[in-house]
Structure formats: C-alpha cells, structure tokens
Amino acid sequence: MDKKRRLIIRTAILLVIVIALGYTFYQSSFSDDSAVRAGDDAINFVLTDLNGERIELNDYKGKGVMLNFWGTYCPPCEKEMPIMQKLYEEYKHLGVEIIAVNVDEPEVTVKSFVNRHKLTFPTPIDKDMRVSDAYGIGPLPATIMIDEHGKVVRVHTGQLTETILRQFFEEVKPKT
C-alpha cells in the first residue's frame, strides 16, 4: 500500500511540473506582451510633468521624440542624463524632443534628481506604470525613438553613449 501511495504522489508532482512547464512555454511563445517594436505606431499617453504641465505624446506629432524610461536608482540612467541634456539643447531647435518618463518614484525624489542634473526637458512620472506596461518596458534605462509621424523607429534597452544617441536623434530628426 505504501509503494502505491508514493507512486501516486510522485505521479501527481510530475504532472504538476509538466503542466507548469507547458503553461510557461505557451505564455512565452504565444502571448502578446504588448511591447512596441520598430515600425509600430507609438502608443499615445497623457502624463503630468514636474511643473504640472500635461504631456500627451500625440501633441509631439511633427517632431522626433526620444521617449526615455528611467529611475533615479539606476546608475546607467544617471550617466546618460547629462548626455541627453546636452543633445536636447543641440537638437530641440531641429525638431527633436525628449520626454523622460520616470518609472513610479516619489515626486520629491525625481525633482531633486532633475534639479541636481539641471534637466530642462519634460520629466513626467508614470505613477501607476500604465505607460511603462503599455510599451513593454523591462530593465531601465529603456528608450523608444519615434519619428515625426508617430512611428517607432528604434527600441533600445540599456545605457546610451553620446555617439549612439546622436545617431538616434539624426534618425528621428524631421526631414525639412
């Protein structure tokens, strides 16, 4: 009787493991994670920046947009912010904007970071992470480059260098 009971328990455990593995495989292979890819239309959103201004992505049509997702706790994010500010000053008059979306941190923390780095581009906070989730953002920093027609040109995860970021800005700079 003991052998039969152990066999049933082992079979049940094995069955649970097989079902769990099957479900995991199905989810990773066939589910839609809603992540945007190059060629997709950018997903519109409305957030509020640190000055209380309404930021809606659709209002930036006609301009190239660097949509950057970041956190104050992220060392690569902090390293790329001065580069972003430098290129923002250079490219803003050429029709390229930056929207630096902070991913769900307290406003006081974000304001302190922005002031310390003297950032002048819009910096809204994605408090409920709906925008981050809609774009399929995982590790930070993550950057979505959007052209003047609202199409995603490039998706990049990880720190950006000045050379790479300059190339990205050139790709989305409106054609004149």
Protein backbone atom coordinates (compact mmCIF):
# COMPACT_ATOMS: atom_id res chain seq x y z
CA MET A 1 0.00 0.00 0.00
CA ASP A 2 2.89 2.40 0.82
CA LYS A 3 4.51 1.85 -2.59
CA LYS A 4 1.24 2.55 -4.36
CA ARG A 5 0.73 5.77 -2.39
CA ARG A 6 4.27 7.01 -3.16
CA LEU A 7 3.75 6.25 -6.84
CA ILE A 8 0.53 8.29 -6.88
CA ILE A 9 2.19 11.23 -5.10
CA ARG A 10 5.22 11.16 -7.40
CA THR A 11 2.99 10.94 -10.46
CA ALA A 12 0.89 13.88 -9.23
CA ILE A 13 4.01 16.00 -8.60
CA LEU A 14 5.40 15.13 -12.02
CA LEU A 15 2.07 16.02 -13.64
CA VAL A 16 2.03 19.43 -11.89
CA ILE A 17 5.59 20.14 -13.08
CA VAL A 18 4.75 19.16 -16.67
CA ILE A 19 1.64 21.37 -16.64
CA ALA A 20 3.61 24.30 -15.18
CA LEU A 21 6.34 23.94 -17.81
CA GLY A 22 3.77 23.65 -20.58
CA TYR A 23 1.96 26.77 -19.39
CA THR A 24 5.22 28.71 -19.15
CA PHE A 25 6.22 27.67 -22.67
CA TYR A 26 2.78 28.62 -24.01
CA GLN A 27 2.89 32.04 -22.32
CA SER A 28 6.36 32.88 -23.58
CA SER A 29 5.73 31.65 -27.11
CA PHE A 30 2.20 32.70 -27.91
CA SER A 31 1.16 35.53 -25.62
CA ASP A 32 1.20 39.19 -26.66
CA ASP A 33 3.30 41.21 -24.23
CA SER A 34 2.16 44.48 -25.88
CA ALA A 35 5.76 45.61 -26.31
CA VAL A 36 6.24 48.07 -29.13
CA ARG A 37 8.67 47.36 -31.91
CA ALA A 38 10.24 49.39 -34.69
CA GLY A 39 7.59 50.09 -37.33
CA ASP A 40 4.69 50.16 -34.83
CA ASP A 41 2.64 53.25 -34.15
CA ALA A 42 3.71 54.84 -30.88
CA ILE A 43 1.13 54.38 -28.14
CA ASN A 44 -0.40 57.69 -27.08
CA PHE A 45 -0.44 58.57 -23.39
CA VAL A 46 -1.10 61.51 -21.11
CA LEU A 47 1.07 62.18 -18.05
CA THR A 48 1.83 65.24 -15.94
CA ASP A 49 5.36 66.62 -15.70
CA LEU A 50 7.04 68.05 -12.60
CA ASN A 51 5.75 71.54 -13.42
CA GLY A 52 2.14 70.33 -13.52
CA GLU A 53 2.06 70.51 -17.32
CA ARG A 54 0.04 67.95 -19.28
CA ILE A 55 2.26 65.84 -21.55
CA GLU A 56 0.44 64.00 -24.35
CA LEU A 57 2.54 62.13 -26.87
CA ASN A 58 0.17 63.00 -29.75
CA ASP A 59 0.96 66.69 -29.16
CA TYR A 60 4.50 65.97 -30.38
CA LYS A 61 3.47 64.83 -33.87
CA GLY A 62 5.61 66.61 -36.42
CA LYS A 63 8.65 66.27 -34.13
CA GLY A 64 11.07 63.46 -33.48
CA VAL A 65 10.76 62.15 -29.94
CA MET A 66 13.12 60.35 -27.62
CA LEU A 67 10.88 58.59 -25.11
CA ASN A 68 13.18 57.56 -22.27
CA PHE A 69 12.11 55.43 -19.30
CA TRP A 70 14.37 55.81 -16.28
CA GLY A 71 14.77 55.74 -12.49
CA THR A 72 16.85 57.76 -10.03
CA TYR A 73 18.19 54.50 -8.57
CA CYS A 74 19.55 53.39 -11.97
CA PRO A 75 23.30 54.20 -12.42
CA PRO A 76 23.20 53.92 -16.25
CA CYS A 77 20.18 56.28 -16.26
CA GLU A 78 22.13 58.83 -14.25
CA LYS A 79 25.16 58.55 -16.57
CA GLU A 80 23.13 59.21 -19.72
CA MET A 81 21.13 62.20 -18.38
CA PRO A 82 23.91 64.81 -18.93
CA ILE A 83 24.33 63.50 -22.49
CA MET A 84 20.58 63.73 -23.06
CA GLN A 85 20.55 67.32 -21.75
CA LYS A 86 23.48 68.32 -23.98
CA LEU A 87 21.88 66.85 -27.11
CA TYR A 88 18.45 68.23 -26.17
CA GLU A 89 19.91 71.74 -26.23
CA GLU A 90 21.50 70.99 -29.61
CA TYR A 91 18.55 69.22 -31.29
CA LYS A 92 15.47 70.92 -29.79
CA HIS A 93 15.58 73.69 -32.40
CA LEU A 94 15.90 70.96 -35.08
CA GLY A 95 12.56 69.43 -34.04
CA VAL A 96 13.68 66.64 -31.68
CA GLU A 97 12.12 66.46 -28.22
CA ILE A 98 12.86 64.35 -25.15
CA ILE A 99 10.22 63.02 -22.81
CA ALA A 100 11.99 61.38 -19.86
CA VAL A 101 9.37 59.23 -18.12
CA ASN A 102 10.31 58.36 -14.56
CA VAL A 103 9.00 54.93 -13.61
CA ASP A 104 6.91 55.26 -10.43
CA GLU A 105 9.08 57.15 -7.95
CA PRO A 106 8.08 59.84 -5.43
CA GLU A 107 7.87 63.33 -6.91
CA VAL A 108 10.29 64.79 -4.35
CA THR A 109 12.95 62.22 -5.33
CA VAL A 110 12.51 62.93 -9.04
CA LYS A 111 12.53 66.73 -8.55
CA SER A 112 15.76 66.51 -6.57
CA PHE A 113 17.38 64.42 -9.33
CA VAL A 114 16.18 66.77 -12.09
CA ASN A 115 17.41 69.85 -10.22
CA ARG A 116 20.78 68.26 -9.43
CA HIS A 117 21.35 67.47 -13.12
CA LYS A 118 19.78 70.75 -14.37
CA LEU A 119 17.46 68.89 -16.76
CA THR A 120 15.18 71.09 -18.87
CA PHE A 121 13.26 68.52 -20.93
CA PRO A 122 9.80 67.31 -19.80
CA THR A 123 10.01 64.75 -16.99
CA PRO A 124 6.65 63.17 -16.16
CA ILE A 125 6.23 60.39 -13.61
CA ASP A 126 4.45 57.18 -14.62
CA LYS A 127 2.86 56.70 -11.18
CA ASP A 128 0.74 53.66 -11.99
CA MET A 129 3.17 52.27 -14.61
CA ARG A 130 0.46 52.11 -17.28
CA VAL A 131 2.68 53.76 -19.87
CA SER A 132 5.67 51.58 -18.99
CA ASP A 133 3.49 48.47 -19.18
CA ALA A 134 1.92 49.56 -22.48
CA TYR A 135 5.38 49.95 -24.00
CA GLY A 136 6.58 46.64 -22.51
CA ILE A 137 9.39 48.28 -20.55
CA GLY A 138 11.56 45.92 -18.55
CA PRO A 139 15.05 46.84 -17.38
CA LEU A 140 15.98 50.52 -17.21
CA PRO A 141 17.00 52.62 -18.96
CA ALA A 142 14.83 51.97 -21.98
CA THR A 143 14.50 54.29 -24.95
CA ILE A 144 11.90 54.45 -27.71
CA MET A 145 12.73 56.66 -30.69
CA ILE A 146 9.66 57.99 -32.51
CA ASP A 147 9.63 59.85 -35.83
CA GLU A 148 7.58 62.93 -36.74
CA HIS A 149 4.74 60.70 -37.99
CA GLY A 150 4.37 58.89 -34.67
CA LYS A 151 6.08 55.69 -35.82
CA VAL A 152 8.52 53.83 -33.61
CA VAL A 153 11.90 53.90 -35.33
CA ARG A 154 14.00 52.19 -32.69
CA VAL A 155 13.72 50.47 -29.31
CA HIS A 156 16.85 50.39 -27.15
CA THR A 157 17.40 48.93 -23.69
CA GLY A 158 20.49 49.96 -21.75
CA GLN A 159 22.73 52.97 -21.39
CA LEU A 160 23.27 55.26 -24.36
CA THR A 161 26.55 56.89 -25.29
CA GLU A 162 26.72 60.31 -26.92
CA THR A 163 27.63 58.74 -30.28
CA ILE A 164 24.70 56.32 -30.23
CA LEU A 165 22.24 58.95 -29.01
CA ARG A 166 23.37 61.42 -31.67
CA GLN A 167 22.76 58.73 -34.32
CA PHE A 168 19.28 58.08 -32.86
CA PHE A 169 18.46 61.82 -32.90
CA GLU A 170 19.54 62.04 -36.54
CA GLU A 171 17.22 59.12 -37.38
CA VAL A 172 14.15 60.89 -35.95
CA LYS A 173 15.02 64.48 -36.84
CA PRO A 174 12.16 65.74 -39.02
CA LYS A 175 13.01 65.99 -42.71
CA THR A 176 12.93 69.57 -43.94
